[in-house]
C-alpha atoms as a PDB file:
ATOM      1  CA  MET A   1      -1.652  31.791   6.247  1.00  0.00           C
ATOM      2  CA  LYS A   2      -3.101  28.516   7.477  1.00  0.00           C
ATOM      3  CA  ARG A   3      -0.909  25.422   7.223  1.00  0.00           C
ATOM      4  CA  SER A   4      -1.942  22.801   4.670  1.00  0.00           C
ATOM      5  CA  LYS A   5      -3.003  19.430   6.060  1.00  0.00           C
ATOM      6  CA  GLY A   6      -2.965  17.495   2.802  1.00  0.00           C
ATOM      7  CA  TYR A   7      -2.942  13.775   2.135  1.00  0.00           C
ATOM      8  CA  ARG A   8       0.860  13.486   2.292  1.00  0.00           C
ATOM      9  CA  SER A   9       1.523  15.920   5.146  1.00  0.00           C
ATOM     10  CA  LYS A  10       4.078  14.932   7.823  1.00  0.00           C
ATOM     11  CA  THR A  11       5.577  12.210   5.609  1.00  0.00           C
ATOM     12  CA  ARG A  12       9.080  13.593   5.077  1.00  0.00           C
ATOM     13  CA  SER A  13      10.880  10.523   6.429  1.00  0.00           C
ATOM     14  CA  LEU A  14       8.085   7.994   5.846  1.00  0.00           C
ATOM     15  CA  LEU A  15       7.726   8.554   2.101  1.00  0.00           C
ATOM     16  CA  ARG A  16      11.390   8.861   1.184  1.00  0.00           C
ATOM     17  CA  LYS A  17      13.652   6.330  -0.487  1.00  0.00           C
ATOM     18  CA  LYS A  18      17.283   5.706   0.260  1.00  0.00           C
ATOM     19  CA  PRO A  19      19.683   7.146  -2.351  1.00  0.00           C
ATOM     20  CA  ARG A  20      20.368   3.778  -4.032  1.00  0.00           C
ATOM     21  CA  GLU A  21      16.673   2.827  -4.140  1.00  0.00           C
ATOM     22  CA  ARG A  22      15.498   5.903  -6.019  1.00  0.00           C
ATOM     23  CA  GLY A  23      13.424   5.691  -9.176  1.00  0.00           C
ATOM     24  CA  LEU A  24      10.708   3.318 -10.256  1.00  0.00           C
ATOM     25  CA  LYS A  25      10.492  -0.295  -9.150  1.00  0.00           C
ATOM     26  CA  PRO A  26      11.513  -3.122 -11.474  1.00  0.00           C
ATOM     27  CA  LEU A  27       8.556  -4.444 -13.452  1.00  0.00           C
ATOM     28  CA  GLY A  28       8.520  -7.766 -11.594  1.00  0.00           C
ATOM     29  CA  TYR A  29       5.795  -6.519  -9.261  1.00  0.00           C
ATOM     30  CA  LEU A  30       3.409  -6.545 -12.242  1.00  0.00           C
ATOM     31  CA  LEU A  31       3.870 -10.304 -12.595  1.00  0.00           C
ATOM     32  CA  ILE A  32       2.677 -11.064  -9.062  1.00  0.00           C
ATOM     33  CA  ASP A  33      -0.909 -12.304  -9.171  1.00  0.00           C
ATOM     34  CA  TYR A  34      -2.654 -11.731  -5.861  1.00  0.00           C
ATOM     35  CA  LYS A  35      -5.566 -13.997  -4.977  1.00  0.00           C
ATOM     36  CA  ILE A  36      -8.430 -13.446  -2.585  1.00  0.00           C
ATOM     37  CA  GLY A  37      -7.282 -14.459   0.880  1.00  0.00           C
ATOM     38  CA  ASP A  38      -3.608 -13.521   0.400  1.00  0.00           C
ATOM     39  CA  ARG A  39      -2.051 -11.753   3.375  1.00  0.00           C
ATOM     40  CA  VAL A  40      -0.071  -8.643   2.464  1.00  0.00           C
ATOM     41  CA  VAL A  41       1.800  -5.861   4.218  1.00  0.00           C
ATOM     42  CA  ILE A  42       1.082  -2.351   3.011  1.00  0.00           C
ATOM     43  CA  SER A  43       4.411  -0.778   2.153  1.00  0.00           C
ATOM     44  CA  ILE A  44       3.867   2.545   0.396  1.00  0.00           C
ATOM     45  CA  ASP A  45       6.075   3.114  -2.644  1.00  0.00           C
ATOM     46  CA  PRO A  46       6.710   6.875  -2.741  1.00  0.00           C
ATOM     47  CA  SER A  47       7.698   6.874  -6.428  1.00  0.00           C
ATOM     48  CA  THR A  48       4.167   5.823  -7.469  1.00  0.00           C
ATOM     49  CA  HIS A  49       1.633   8.453  -6.447  1.00  0.00           C
ATOM     50  CA  LYS A  50      -1.500   6.823  -7.831  1.00  0.00           C
ATOM     51  CA  GLY A  51      -3.295   4.286  -5.688  1.00  0.00           C
ATOM     52  CA  GLN A  52      -1.452   5.109  -2.487  1.00  0.00           C
ATOM     53  CA  PRO A  53      -3.217   4.238   0.749  1.00  0.00           C
ATOM     54  CA  HIS A  54      -3.180   6.746   3.588  1.00  0.00           C
ATOM     55  CA  ARG A  55       0.071   6.968   5.527  1.00  0.00           C
ATOM     56  CA  ARG A  56      -1.542   5.635   8.725  1.00  0.00           C
ATOM     57  CA  TYR A  57      -1.774   2.194   7.057  1.00  0.00           C
ATOM     58  CA  HIS A  58       1.940   1.996   6.155  1.00  0.00           C
ATOM     59  CA  GLY A  59       3.380  -1.202   7.658  1.00  0.00           C
ATOM     60  CA  LYS A  60      -0.008  -2.718   8.525  1.00  0.00           C
ATOM     61  CA  MET A  61      -0.953  -6.266   7.591  1.00  0.00           C
ATOM     62  CA  GLY A  62      -4.212  -7.119   5.869  1.00  0.00           C
ATOM     63  CA  THR A  63      -6.075  -9.641   3.728  1.00  0.00           C
ATOM     64  CA  ILE A  64      -7.064  -9.172   0.097  1.00  0.00           C
ATOM     65  CA  ILE A  65     -10.831  -9.464  -0.207  1.00  0.00           C
ATOM     66  CA  GLU A  66     -11.516  -8.421  -3.815  1.00  0.00           C
ATOM     67  CA  LYS A  67     -10.046  -7.036  -7.004  1.00  0.00           C
ATOM     68  CA  ARG A  68     -11.303  -3.749  -8.414  1.00  0.00           C
ATOM     69  CA  GLY A  69      -9.890  -2.956 -11.846  1.00  0.00           C
ATOM     70  CA  LYS A  70      -6.113  -2.821 -11.457  1.00  0.00           C
ATOM     71  CA  ALA A  71      -6.427  -2.217  -7.706  1.00  0.00           C
ATOM     72  CA  TYR A  72      -7.166  -4.527  -4.795  1.00  0.00           C
ATOM     73  CA  VAL A  73      -9.356  -4.100  -1.731  1.00  0.00           C
ATOM     74  CA  VAL A  74      -7.539  -5.015   1.490  1.00  0.00           C
ATOM     75  CA  ALA A  75      -9.251  -5.543   4.852  1.00  0.00           C
ATOM     76  CA  ILE A  76      -7.239  -4.215   7.802  1.00  0.00           C
ATOM     77  CA  GLN A  77      -7.978  -4.299  11.522  1.00  0.00           C
ATOM     78  CA  ASN A  78      -7.508  -0.783  12.900  1.00  0.00           C
ATOM     79  CA  GLY A  79      -8.891   0.479  16.179  1.00  0.00           C
ATOM     80  CA  GLY A  80     -11.099  -2.566  16.725  1.00  0.00           C
ATOM     81  CA  LYS A  81     -12.814  -2.123  13.361  1.00  0.00           C
ATOM     82  CA  THR A  82     -12.250  -3.601   9.930  1.00  0.00           C
ATOM     83  CA  ARG A  83     -11.170  -1.014   7.371  1.00  0.00           C
ATOM     84  CA  LYS A  84     -11.293  -1.523   3.621  1.00  0.00           C
ATOM     85  CA  ILE A  85      -8.341  -0.001   1.787  1.00  0.00           C
ATOM     86  CA  ILE A  86      -8.276   0.316  -2.005  1.00  0.00           C
ATOM     87  CA  ALA A  87      -4.681   0.385  -3.275  1.00  0.00           C
ATOM     88  CA  LEU A  88      -2.571  -0.559  -6.272  1.00  0.00           C
ATOM     89  CA  PRO A  89      -0.319  -3.639  -6.029  1.00  0.00           C
ATOM     90  CA  GLU A  90       2.950  -1.685  -6.059  1.00  0.00           C
ATOM     91  CA  HIS A  91       2.184  -0.696  -2.462  1.00  0.00           C
ATOM     92  CA  PHE A  92       2.028  -4.332  -1.214  1.00  0.00           C
ATOM     93  CA  LYS A  93       4.465  -6.979  -0.038  1.00  0.00           C
ATOM     94  CA  VAL A  94       3.279 -10.607   0.059  1.00  0.00           C
ATOM     95  CA  ILE A  95       3.509 -12.458   3.364  1.00  0.00           C
ATOM     96  CA  GLN A  96       1.364 -15.536   2.913  1.00  0.00           C
ATOM     97  CA  THR A  97      -0.526 -16.871  -0.082  1.00  0.00           C
ATOM     98  CA  ALA A  98      -4.005 -18.378   0.042  1.00  0.00           C
ATOM     99  CA  ARG A  99      -4.180 -22.128  -0.430  1.00  0.00           C
END
């Protein structure tokens, strides 16, 4: 039988939490209001399956360019091109806010 090459394949160590970090995040991440121009790091939260970006963007830094419903569109430089990633805010960490 052919091996599955799904969206979360080869992520055994990447999408795993430490034993004391297991479970859902505290609800404080819902209170963060991202603005256009904010710089964020994509840090995939494995406990939330919806709105996850692809694993190749884990740890990459990007800029928020628009809001789409509950999700945000983030522009990332990858391979000399600008990629647009649509992800939910629980998969972000703020680095720098827009002024």
